[in-house]
Amino acid sequence: MPANLSPEFKAAQDAYRRAREPEERLECLREMLRTIPRHKGTEHLQADLRTRIKELTGELTGPRRGGARGGPAIVVRPEGAAQVALLGPPNTGKSSLHVRLTGSHAVVGPYPFATKFPLPGMLPFEDVRFQLVDLPPVSAEVVEPWLGNALQHADGALLVLDLSEPDCVELLEVVRRRLEEKHVLLVSPESPRQAAGVLAAPAGTEAEALDLFRVSLKSALLANKAERLGDPAAELAAFREITGMDFPALAVSAETGLGLSGIGPLLFSMLGVVRVYGKTPGHAPDRDRPFTLRRGATVRDVARLVHRDLARDLRFARIWGSSVSFAGEQVSAEHAVRDGDVVELHA
């Protein structure tokens, strides 16, 4: 049935897609609910918006005064250069990898479903850090009902599999299918908005609007427990050929450390991270804490990370780096920055 969504709703919808902070997302959801047409064709979308507003409000409110929360948080506030979800079937060693990469205290056990709730940890790479979130496993029998919401803030995913398991191909398909039921798609970094076998909803319908909450995660494969494989590289190549998987892939081992040093560079490249260093006029640039953006980001995006008002009042910037022809070149707010640029903002 046609939803006849208003221009105001679509503007709030676009703002929601761009928002990174939970507070911004909540503001956009409320605006969407305020501006949505009230008729039978939008009943499901109205209900979904109310549910998401309630859940996000609960996460942002925190513990009630004088009492405890109903349970652990299921949504992790994004930090660092990017939020990356660790996903996979039971007993593939996700939590062991999380401990090894981030130094977390994830529960590691020789039994399925040791992980019950999202657990964040930080993976350092050069002068940035990636937030890795260990999540409960996905199986044919069990998938947490809140998993789709937990992945709304993620920038990418690491799919962890154990190729020594005889049914690893079938387990991959189970994970993909169960995630799609939650409107979560694992996609190649080369085509982040494409997914084989997924049809776009008809334009103008409520189903198209509900697709707003579909999550497409740039993904890579980690073939863990590689110490169990005779020739990890050959086994991984064979697995990719059989499945037709075009994700970037690494053979790794949480036990021996094999391949772990390649995860940071893989995420940096896969997610298109761009580091920009701030500079105050008359002072040396601050190279200790870069701003992190995505490939294609502009000077205005940098200003927005400093302060929303600065992005609005920005006049021009001076840049030192590979995105300009000479050091200190004056550029407009719409100039695209590159990794390593030093930016001096003028409002």
Foldseek 3Di string as FASTA:
>chain_A
DFQPADPQLVVLLVQLLVDQFLVSNLVSLVSNLVRGDDDPQCVVVNVVSVVLNVLSVVLVVAQDPPDHDPDDRQADTDDWQFEEEEEFAFPLCSQLLCCLQFVDPQDDDNDAFSDDGWDWGWGDDDQIIYIYIYGHYFDLVDDDPCNLVNCQNGQAYEYGFALVDPCRLVRVVRRQVVVVVSLEHEDALVCQVDDPPDDADDPRGSVNVVNSSRHRHHYEYEHEPCVVPPDSVVSVVVSCVVNVDPHHYDYAYSVPGPPVVVPVVVCCVSSQKAWEWEDEPPDDTDPNHTDIDHFQDFQLVVLVVVPVVLSVPWAWKFKADDQDDHHRDIGGRNRTDGHPMYIYTDD
